[in-house]
N, C-alpha and C. Protein backbone atom coordinates (compact mmCIF):
# COMPACT_ATOMS: atom_id res chain seq x y z
N UNK A 1 21.70 112.88 329.79
CA UNK A 1 20.36 112.53 329.38
C UNK A 1 20.25 111.00 329.33
N UNK A 2 19.16 110.50 329.84
CA UNK A 2 18.92 109.05 329.82
C UNK A 2 18.61 108.60 328.40
N UNK A 3 19.06 107.41 328.09
CA UNK A 3 18.85 106.83 326.77
C UNK A 3 17.36 106.74 326.42
N UNK A 4 16.56 106.24 327.35
CA UNK A 4 15.13 106.06 327.09
C UNK A 4 14.43 107.40 326.86
N UNK A 5 14.85 108.43 327.59
CA UNK A 5 14.27 109.76 327.43
C UNK A 5 14.58 110.31 326.05
N UNK A 6 15.83 110.19 325.63
CA UNK A 6 16.24 110.70 324.32
C UNK A 6 15.47 109.98 323.20
N UNK A 7 15.38 108.67 323.29
CA UNK A 7 14.67 107.90 322.26
C UNK A 7 13.19 108.27 322.22
N UNK A 8 12.57 108.43 323.38
CA UNK A 8 11.16 108.81 323.44
C UNK A 8 10.93 110.18 322.78
N UNK A 9 11.82 111.13 323.04
CA UNK A 9 11.68 112.47 322.44
C UNK A 9 11.89 112.44 320.93
N UNK A 10 12.84 111.63 320.50
CA UNK A 10 13.09 111.52 319.05
C UNK A 10 11.88 110.90 318.36
N UNK A 11 11.33 109.85 318.94
CA UNK A 11 10.16 109.20 318.33
C UNK A 11 8.93 110.11 318.35
N UNK A 12 8.81 110.93 319.39
CA UNK A 12 7.65 111.81 319.51
C UNK A 12 7.73 112.98 318.51
N UNK A 13 8.89 113.65 318.46
CA UNK A 13 9.01 114.88 317.66
C UNK A 13 9.53 114.65 316.24
N UNK A 14 10.12 113.49 315.96
CA UNK A 14 10.61 113.15 314.62
C UNK A 14 11.51 114.24 314.02
N UNK A 15 12.58 114.61 314.70
CA UNK A 15 13.45 115.68 314.19
C UNK A 15 14.23 115.24 312.94
N UNK A 16 14.52 116.21 312.06
CA UNK A 16 15.26 115.90 310.83
C UNK A 16 16.52 116.74 310.66
N UNK A 17 16.69 117.78 311.46
CA UNK A 17 17.90 118.61 311.40
C UNK A 17 18.47 118.73 312.82
N UNK A 18 19.73 119.14 312.93
CA UNK A 18 20.29 119.37 314.27
C UNK A 18 19.48 120.37 315.09
N UNK A 19 18.94 121.37 314.44
CA UNK A 19 18.10 122.35 315.13
C UNK A 19 16.83 121.69 315.67
N UNK A 20 16.24 120.81 314.88
CA UNK A 20 15.05 120.07 315.32
C UNK A 20 15.37 119.20 316.53
N UNK A 21 16.54 118.58 316.54
CA UNK A 21 16.93 117.75 317.67
C UNK A 21 17.06 118.60 318.93
N UNK A 22 17.67 119.77 318.80
CA UNK A 22 17.83 120.68 319.94
C UNK A 22 16.44 121.11 320.45
N UNK A 23 15.53 121.44 319.52
CA UNK A 23 14.18 121.85 319.89
C UNK A 23 13.44 120.71 320.61
N UNK A 24 13.70 119.47 320.21
CA UNK A 24 13.05 118.30 320.81
C UNK A 24 13.64 117.95 322.18
N UNK A 25 14.68 118.68 322.59
CA UNK A 25 15.31 118.42 323.87
C UNK A 25 16.37 117.33 323.82
N UNK A 26 16.90 117.09 322.62
CA UNK A 26 17.96 116.10 322.44
C UNK A 26 19.14 116.83 321.79
N UNK A 27 19.96 117.49 322.61
CA UNK A 27 21.06 118.28 322.05
C UNK A 27 22.17 117.39 321.48
N UNK A 28 22.75 117.85 320.38
CA UNK A 28 23.82 117.13 319.71
C UNK A 28 25.16 117.82 319.98
N UNK A 29 26.24 117.06 319.85
CA UNK A 29 27.58 117.64 319.96
C UNK A 29 27.77 118.65 318.83
N UNK A 30 28.66 119.60 319.04
CA UNK A 30 28.89 120.64 318.03
C UNK A 30 29.59 120.08 316.78
N UNK A 31 30.54 119.17 316.99
CA UNK A 31 31.30 118.60 315.88
C UNK A 31 30.80 117.21 315.53
N UNK A 32 30.79 116.91 314.25
CA UNK A 32 30.41 115.57 313.79
C UNK A 32 31.51 114.57 314.17
N UNK A 33 31.11 113.35 314.48
CA UNK A 33 32.09 112.29 314.75
C UNK A 33 32.87 111.96 313.49
N UNK A 34 32.18 112.02 312.38
CA UNK A 34 32.80 111.72 311.10
C UNK A 34 31.79 111.86 309.99
N UNK A 35 32.29 111.87 308.78
CA UNK A 35 31.42 111.98 307.63
C UNK A 35 31.99 111.13 306.51
N UNK A 36 31.09 110.55 305.75
CA UNK A 36 31.49 109.79 304.57
C UNK A 36 31.02 110.52 303.34
N UNK A 37 30.86 109.79 302.28
CA UNK A 37 30.40 110.37 301.03
C UNK A 37 28.93 110.74 301.09
N UNK A 38 28.15 109.95 301.83
CA UNK A 38 26.70 110.13 301.80
C UNK A 38 26.08 110.65 303.09
N UNK A 39 26.78 110.48 304.22
CA UNK A 39 26.19 110.88 305.50
C UNK A 39 27.25 111.36 306.46
N UNK A 40 26.77 112.05 307.51
CA UNK A 40 27.64 112.40 308.62
C UNK A 40 27.00 111.90 309.91
N UNK A 41 27.83 111.56 310.87
CA UNK A 41 27.35 111.05 312.15
C UNK A 41 27.67 112.06 313.25
N UNK A 42 26.65 112.37 314.05
CA UNK A 42 26.80 113.32 315.14
C UNK A 42 26.34 112.65 316.42
N UNK A 43 27.13 112.79 317.49
CA UNK A 43 26.80 112.16 318.77
C UNK A 43 25.82 113.03 319.55
N UNK A 44 24.91 112.38 320.26
CA UNK A 44 24.00 113.08 321.16
C UNK A 44 24.77 113.40 322.44
N UNK A 45 24.63 114.62 322.96
CA UNK A 45 25.36 115.03 324.17
C UNK A 45 24.95 114.17 325.36
N UNK A 46 25.94 113.70 326.10
CA UNK A 46 25.74 112.96 327.35
C UNK A 46 24.81 111.76 327.20
N UNK A 47 24.89 111.09 326.06
CA UNK A 47 24.02 109.94 325.81
C UNK A 47 24.72 109.03 324.80
N UNK A 48 24.62 107.72 324.94
CA UNK A 48 25.31 106.81 324.02
C UNK A 48 24.55 106.60 322.70
N UNK A 49 24.23 107.70 322.02
CA UNK A 49 23.53 107.64 320.74
C UNK A 49 24.26 108.47 319.71
N UNK A 50 24.15 108.05 318.44
CA UNK A 50 24.59 108.89 317.33
C UNK A 50 23.43 109.03 316.35
N UNK A 51 23.47 110.13 315.62
CA UNK A 51 22.47 110.39 314.59
C UNK A 51 23.21 110.46 313.27
N UNK A 52 22.75 109.70 312.29
CA UNK A 52 23.32 109.74 310.94
C UNK A 52 22.42 110.61 310.07
N UNK A 53 22.98 111.74 309.62
CA UNK A 53 22.27 112.67 308.74
C UNK A 53 22.75 112.47 307.31
N UNK A 54 21.84 112.39 306.34
CA UNK A 54 22.29 112.32 304.95
C UNK A 54 22.92 113.64 304.53
N UNK A 55 23.89 113.56 303.64
CA UNK A 55 24.51 114.75 303.07
C UNK A 55 23.90 115.01 301.71
N UNK A 56 23.88 116.27 301.31
CA UNK A 56 23.39 116.59 299.97
C UNK A 56 24.45 116.19 298.96
N UNK A 57 24.09 116.21 297.70
CA UNK A 57 25.06 115.85 296.66
C UNK A 57 26.26 116.78 296.66
N UNK A 58 26.09 117.98 297.19
CA UNK A 58 27.20 118.92 297.29
C UNK A 58 28.06 118.66 298.52
N UNK A 59 27.66 117.67 299.34
CA UNK A 59 28.44 117.33 300.53
C UNK A 59 28.05 118.12 301.76
N UNK A 60 26.93 118.84 301.71
CA UNK A 60 26.48 119.63 302.85
C UNK A 60 25.49 118.85 303.69
N UNK A 61 25.54 119.07 305.00
CA UNK A 61 24.54 118.46 305.86
C UNK A 61 23.30 119.34 305.86
N UNK A 62 22.23 118.83 306.45
CA UNK A 62 20.98 119.58 306.47
C UNK A 62 21.12 120.88 307.25
N UNK A 63 22.11 120.98 308.14
CA UNK A 63 22.29 122.19 308.93
C UNK A 63 22.95 123.30 308.12
N UNK A 64 23.66 122.95 307.04
CA UNK A 64 24.42 123.94 306.27
C UNK A 64 23.66 124.53 305.10
N UNK A 65 22.46 124.07 304.82
CA UNK A 65 21.73 124.46 303.62
C UNK A 65 20.84 125.68 303.91
N UNK A 66 20.99 126.75 303.15
CA UNK A 66 20.07 127.89 303.32
C UNK A 66 18.64 127.50 302.96
N UNK A 67 17.68 128.19 303.56
CA UNK A 67 16.27 127.87 303.34
C UNK A 67 15.83 128.02 301.88
N UNK A 68 16.44 128.96 301.15
CA UNK A 68 16.00 129.23 299.78
C UNK A 68 16.70 128.34 298.75
N UNK A 69 17.51 127.40 299.18
CA UNK A 69 18.24 126.53 298.26
C UNK A 69 17.66 125.12 298.35
N UNK A 70 17.20 124.54 297.25
CA UNK A 70 16.63 123.19 297.31
C UNK A 70 17.72 122.12 297.21
N UNK A 71 18.18 121.59 298.33
CA UNK A 71 19.25 120.59 298.29
C UNK A 71 18.74 119.23 297.82
N UNK A 72 19.64 118.42 297.32
CA UNK A 72 19.28 117.07 296.89
C UNK A 72 19.96 116.06 297.82
N UNK A 73 19.18 115.48 298.71
CA UNK A 73 19.68 114.51 299.67
C UNK A 73 19.39 113.07 299.23
N UNK A 74 18.95 112.87 297.99
CA UNK A 74 18.46 111.57 297.57
C UNK A 74 19.50 110.45 297.70
N UNK A 75 20.77 110.73 297.39
CA UNK A 75 21.79 109.68 297.50
C UNK A 75 22.02 109.29 298.96
N UNK A 76 22.04 110.27 299.86
CA UNK A 76 22.21 109.98 301.29
C UNK A 76 21.01 109.23 301.85
N UNK A 77 19.82 109.59 301.41
CA UNK A 77 18.60 108.90 301.85
C UNK A 77 18.60 107.47 301.34
N UNK A 78 19.01 107.28 300.09
CA UNK A 78 19.08 105.95 299.51
C UNK A 78 20.13 105.09 300.24
N UNK A 79 21.24 105.71 300.63
CA UNK A 79 22.28 104.99 301.37
C UNK A 79 21.74 104.51 302.72
N UNK A 80 20.98 105.36 303.41
CA UNK A 80 20.37 104.98 304.68
C UNK A 80 19.37 103.84 304.48
N UNK A 81 18.57 103.92 303.42
CA UNK A 81 17.58 102.87 303.15
C UNK A 81 18.26 101.54 302.87
N UNK A 82 19.34 101.58 302.13
CA UNK A 82 20.08 100.35 301.83
C UNK A 82 20.68 99.76 303.10
N UNK A 83 21.23 100.63 303.95
CA UNK A 83 21.78 100.14 305.22
C UNK A 83 20.70 99.48 306.07
N UNK A 84 19.55 100.10 306.19
CA UNK A 84 18.47 99.53 307.00
C UNK A 84 17.97 98.21 306.40
N UNK A 85 17.94 98.12 305.08
CA UNK A 85 17.53 96.87 304.43
C UNK A 85 18.51 95.74 304.77
N UNK A 86 19.81 96.05 304.74
CA UNK A 86 20.81 95.04 305.06
C UNK A 86 20.76 94.64 306.53
N UNK A 87 20.56 95.60 307.41
CA UNK A 87 20.45 95.27 308.83
C UNK A 87 19.25 94.36 309.06
N UNK A 88 18.13 94.67 308.42
CA UNK A 88 16.92 93.84 308.54
C UNK A 88 17.17 92.43 308.03
N UNK A 89 17.83 92.32 306.88
CA UNK A 89 18.13 90.99 306.32
C UNK A 89 19.07 90.20 307.22
N UNK A 90 20.09 90.88 307.76
CA UNK A 90 21.06 90.19 308.61
C UNK A 90 20.47 89.81 309.96
N UNK A 91 19.48 90.55 310.44
CA UNK A 91 18.83 90.23 311.72
C UNK A 91 18.10 88.89 311.67
N UNK A 92 17.76 88.43 310.48
CA UNK A 92 17.11 87.12 310.35
C UNK A 92 18.01 85.99 310.82
N UNK A 93 19.31 86.22 310.78
CA UNK A 93 20.27 85.22 311.23
C UNK A 93 20.59 85.48 312.69
N UNK A 94 20.12 84.61 313.55
CA UNK A 94 20.29 84.81 314.99
C UNK A 94 21.76 85.00 315.37
N UNK A 95 22.64 84.26 314.75
CA UNK A 95 24.06 84.35 315.08
C UNK A 95 24.68 85.69 314.67
N UNK A 96 24.05 86.43 313.76
CA UNK A 96 24.57 87.73 313.30
C UNK A 96 24.16 88.90 314.19
N UNK A 97 23.12 88.74 314.98
CA UNK A 97 22.53 89.86 315.71
C UNK A 97 23.52 90.55 316.64
N UNK A 98 24.41 89.79 317.24
CA UNK A 98 25.36 90.40 318.18
C UNK A 98 26.37 91.30 317.48
N UNK A 99 26.48 91.19 316.14
CA UNK A 99 27.43 91.98 315.38
C UNK A 99 26.78 93.19 314.70
N UNK A 100 25.50 93.39 314.94
CA UNK A 100 24.77 94.49 314.30
C UNK A 100 24.50 95.60 315.30
N UNK A 101 24.46 96.84 314.81
CA UNK A 101 24.20 97.96 315.71
C UNK A 101 22.74 97.98 316.18
N UNK A 102 22.54 98.53 317.36
CA UNK A 102 21.17 98.74 317.86
C UNK A 102 20.64 100.01 317.21
N UNK A 103 19.60 99.87 316.40
CA UNK A 103 18.97 101.01 315.75
C UNK A 103 17.70 101.32 316.52
N UNK A 104 17.59 102.57 317.00
CA UNK A 104 16.44 102.96 317.82
C UNK A 104 15.39 103.73 317.02
N UNK A 105 15.81 104.34 315.91
CA UNK A 105 14.87 105.17 315.15
C UNK A 105 15.37 105.26 313.71
N UNK A 106 14.42 105.18 312.79
CA UNK A 106 14.75 105.36 311.38
C UNK A 106 13.62 106.14 310.71
N UNK A 107 13.96 107.26 310.12
CA UNK A 107 13.01 108.08 309.37
C UNK A 107 13.26 107.82 307.89
N UNK A 108 12.43 106.98 307.32
CA UNK A 108 12.60 106.54 305.93
C UNK A 108 12.55 107.72 304.96
N UNK A 109 11.68 108.66 305.21
CA UNK A 109 11.50 109.78 304.26
C UNK A 109 12.73 110.69 304.20
N UNK A 110 13.34 110.94 305.38
CA UNK A 110 14.47 111.87 305.44
C UNK A 110 15.83 111.18 305.58
N UNK A 111 15.83 109.87 305.74
CA UNK A 111 17.09 109.14 305.82
C UNK A 111 17.84 109.28 307.13
N UNK A 112 17.13 109.66 308.20
CA UNK A 112 17.76 109.84 309.51
C UNK A 112 17.78 108.49 310.23
N UNK A 113 18.95 108.12 310.75
CA UNK A 113 19.09 106.90 311.54
C UNK A 113 19.67 107.28 312.90
N UNK A 114 19.03 106.79 313.96
CA UNK A 114 19.55 106.97 315.31
C UNK A 114 19.92 105.60 315.85
N UNK A 115 21.18 105.46 316.23
CA UNK A 115 21.65 104.17 316.73
C UNK A 115 22.57 104.37 317.93
N UNK A 116 22.86 103.26 318.59
CA UNK A 116 23.78 103.30 319.72
C UNK A 116 25.16 103.71 319.25
N UNK A 117 25.86 104.45 320.11
CA UNK A 117 27.24 104.86 319.84
C UNK A 117 28.18 103.74 320.26
N UNK A 118 29.11 103.40 319.38
CA UNK A 118 30.12 102.38 319.67
C UNK A 118 31.49 103.00 319.51
N UNK A 119 32.39 102.67 320.43
CA UNK A 119 33.76 103.16 320.32
C UNK A 119 34.42 102.55 319.10
N UNK A 120 35.45 103.25 318.58
CA UNK A 120 36.21 102.73 317.46
C UNK A 120 36.92 101.45 317.86
N UNK A 121 37.00 100.53 316.94
CA UNK A 121 37.74 99.30 317.22
C UNK A 121 39.23 99.60 317.03
N UNK A 122 40.03 99.13 317.94
CA UNK A 122 41.47 99.42 317.90
C UNK A 122 42.24 98.26 317.30
N UNK A 123 43.33 98.58 316.65
CA UNK A 123 44.19 97.53 316.13
C UNK A 123 44.23 97.49 314.62
N UNK A 124 45.18 96.74 314.10
CA UNK A 124 45.34 96.60 312.66
C UNK A 124 44.19 95.79 312.08
N UNK A 125 43.70 96.23 310.97
CA UNK A 125 42.55 95.57 310.36
C UNK A 125 42.97 94.83 309.10
N UNK A 126 43.50 95.55 308.15
CA UNK A 126 44.04 94.93 306.95
C UNK A 126 43.01 94.64 305.89
N UNK A 127 43.43 94.80 304.63
CA UNK A 127 42.56 94.56 303.49
C UNK A 127 42.19 93.08 303.39
N UNK A 128 43.15 92.20 303.67
CA UNK A 128 42.87 90.76 303.57
C UNK A 128 41.77 90.35 304.54
N UNK A 129 41.82 90.86 305.75
CA UNK A 129 40.80 90.55 306.74
C UNK A 129 39.43 91.04 306.29
N UNK A 130 39.36 92.26 305.78
CA UNK A 130 38.07 92.81 305.37
C UNK A 130 37.50 92.03 304.18
N UNK A 131 38.32 91.65 303.22
CA UNK A 131 37.84 90.86 302.07
C UNK A 131 37.36 89.49 302.52
N UNK A 132 38.06 88.90 303.47
CA UNK A 132 37.65 87.60 304.02
C UNK A 132 36.27 87.71 304.66
N UNK A 133 36.08 88.72 305.48
CA UNK A 133 34.79 88.90 306.17
C UNK A 133 33.68 89.19 305.17
N UNK A 134 33.95 90.04 304.16
CA UNK A 134 32.95 90.33 303.14
C UNK A 134 32.52 89.06 302.41
N UNK A 135 33.49 88.23 302.03
CA UNK A 135 33.20 86.97 301.34
C UNK A 135 32.43 86.02 302.24
N UNK A 136 32.84 85.90 303.48
CA UNK A 136 32.17 85.02 304.43
C UNK A 136 30.71 85.43 304.64
N UNK A 137 30.46 86.72 304.83
CA UNK A 137 29.08 87.20 305.01
C UNK A 137 28.24 86.94 303.78
N UNK A 138 28.80 87.17 302.61
CA UNK A 138 28.05 86.95 301.36
C UNK A 138 27.66 85.48 301.23
N UNK A 139 28.58 84.59 301.53
CA UNK A 139 28.29 83.16 301.37
C UNK A 139 27.35 82.62 302.43
N UNK A 140 27.43 83.18 303.64
CA UNK A 140 26.59 82.69 304.74
C UNK A 140 25.20 83.31 304.76
N UNK A 141 25.08 84.57 304.33
CA UNK A 141 23.82 85.29 304.47
C UNK A 141 23.21 85.76 303.16
N UNK A 142 24.02 85.84 302.12
CA UNK A 142 23.53 86.39 300.86
C UNK A 142 23.57 87.90 300.81
N UNK A 143 24.07 88.54 301.88
CA UNK A 143 24.16 90.00 301.94
C UNK A 143 25.59 90.40 301.58
N UNK A 144 25.71 91.26 300.57
CA UNK A 144 27.03 91.68 300.09
C UNK A 144 27.41 93.01 300.70
N UNK A 145 28.58 93.07 301.33
CA UNK A 145 29.12 94.30 301.90
C UNK A 145 30.36 94.69 301.11
N UNK A 146 30.49 95.94 300.75
CA UNK A 146 31.68 96.38 300.02
C UNK A 146 32.49 97.39 300.82
N UNK A 147 31.98 97.85 301.93
CA UNK A 147 32.65 98.92 302.67
C UNK A 147 32.98 98.48 304.09
N UNK A 148 33.31 97.22 304.25
CA UNK A 148 33.65 96.70 305.57
C UNK A 148 35.12 96.98 305.81
N UNK A 149 35.42 97.74 306.83
CA UNK A 149 36.81 98.07 307.14
C UNK A 149 36.90 98.77 308.48
N UNK A 150 38.10 99.17 308.83
CA UNK A 150 38.38 99.74 310.14
C UNK A 150 37.48 100.92 310.50
N UNK A 151 37.16 101.77 309.54
CA UNK A 151 36.34 102.95 309.82
C UNK A 151 34.88 102.62 310.05
N UNK A 152 34.43 101.47 309.59
CA UNK A 152 33.01 101.13 309.67
C UNK A 152 32.72 99.99 310.64
N UNK A 153 33.64 99.74 311.57
CA UNK A 153 33.46 98.71 312.57
C UNK A 153 33.74 99.31 313.94
N UNK A 154 32.80 99.12 314.85
CA UNK A 154 32.96 99.61 316.21
C UNK A 154 33.09 98.46 317.18
N UNK A 155 33.37 98.79 318.42
CA UNK A 155 33.53 97.77 319.45
C UNK A 155 32.33 97.80 320.38
N UNK A 156 31.57 96.72 320.40
CA UNK A 156 30.47 96.56 321.34
C UNK A 156 30.96 95.68 322.47
N UNK A 157 30.35 95.80 323.61
CA UNK A 157 30.80 95.02 324.75
C UNK A 157 29.77 94.01 325.20
N UNK A 158 30.25 92.86 325.60
CA UNK A 158 29.42 91.83 326.20
C UNK A 158 30.16 91.29 327.41
N UNK A 159 29.51 90.43 328.15
CA UNK A 159 30.17 89.83 329.30
C UNK A 159 31.39 89.02 328.87
N UNK A 160 31.34 88.47 327.66
CA UNK A 160 32.43 87.63 327.16
C UNK A 160 33.59 88.45 326.60
N UNK A 161 33.41 89.75 326.45
CA UNK A 161 34.46 90.61 325.91
C UNK A 161 33.97 91.44 324.75
N UNK A 162 34.89 92.17 324.12
CA UNK A 162 34.49 93.04 323.02
C UNK A 162 34.06 92.26 321.78
N UNK A 163 33.09 92.83 321.07
CA UNK A 163 32.55 92.22 319.86
C UNK A 163 32.56 93.28 318.77
N UNK A 164 33.02 92.96 317.56
CA UNK A 164 32.96 93.95 316.48
C UNK A 164 31.50 94.18 316.05
N UNK A 165 31.14 95.45 315.89
CA UNK A 165 29.79 95.83 315.47
C UNK A 165 29.90 96.50 314.10
N UNK A 166 29.11 96.05 313.14
CA UNK A 166 29.10 96.63 311.79
C UNK A 166 28.34 97.95 311.83
N UNK A 167 29.05 99.07 311.63
CA UNK A 167 28.44 100.38 311.81
C UNK A 167 27.87 100.98 310.53
N UNK A 168 28.40 100.64 309.39
CA UNK A 168 27.90 101.21 308.15
C UNK A 168 27.76 100.10 307.13
N UNK A 169 26.53 99.74 306.83
CA UNK A 169 26.25 98.63 305.92
C UNK A 169 25.69 99.14 304.59
N UNK A 170 25.78 100.44 304.35
CA UNK A 170 25.13 101.03 303.18
C UNK A 170 25.57 100.45 301.86
N UNK A 171 26.87 100.32 301.61
CA UNK A 171 27.35 99.79 300.32
C UNK A 171 28.36 98.72 300.53
């Protein structure tokens, strides 16, 4: 599936569950790429996109909740909102833009984020490196990151070589 086609369908139909994505003609992979405390990320089939779905307080995704059970996704939705706020703040700094993910769609009400898929960054990361980067970003931009580490950094490509991309800016 072409990237532009997938994005157009997502913007048109505004899907909020994996079933909605399938109905909109944007099929997702069967297995999630990964999950954290607040969200899980699922890749779009044959397309360089991922969808971040908020998890309920019980740790269930929107696909796992029965219709008669009122799940609470408020923490996952709040995590998505905080991430989008930080991305917006960091985009003000021209020099930071190359290190931020491309976000194609954000549903504020449901906490759904659709962004470009980035491969995992390879190599040793280390706590000292992550604390250094967190401190540097705070002093240069005023944006505080607490979850910067190997799991939340992907590799983006440019003509000059690989660039680390901040994948999860929620907390």
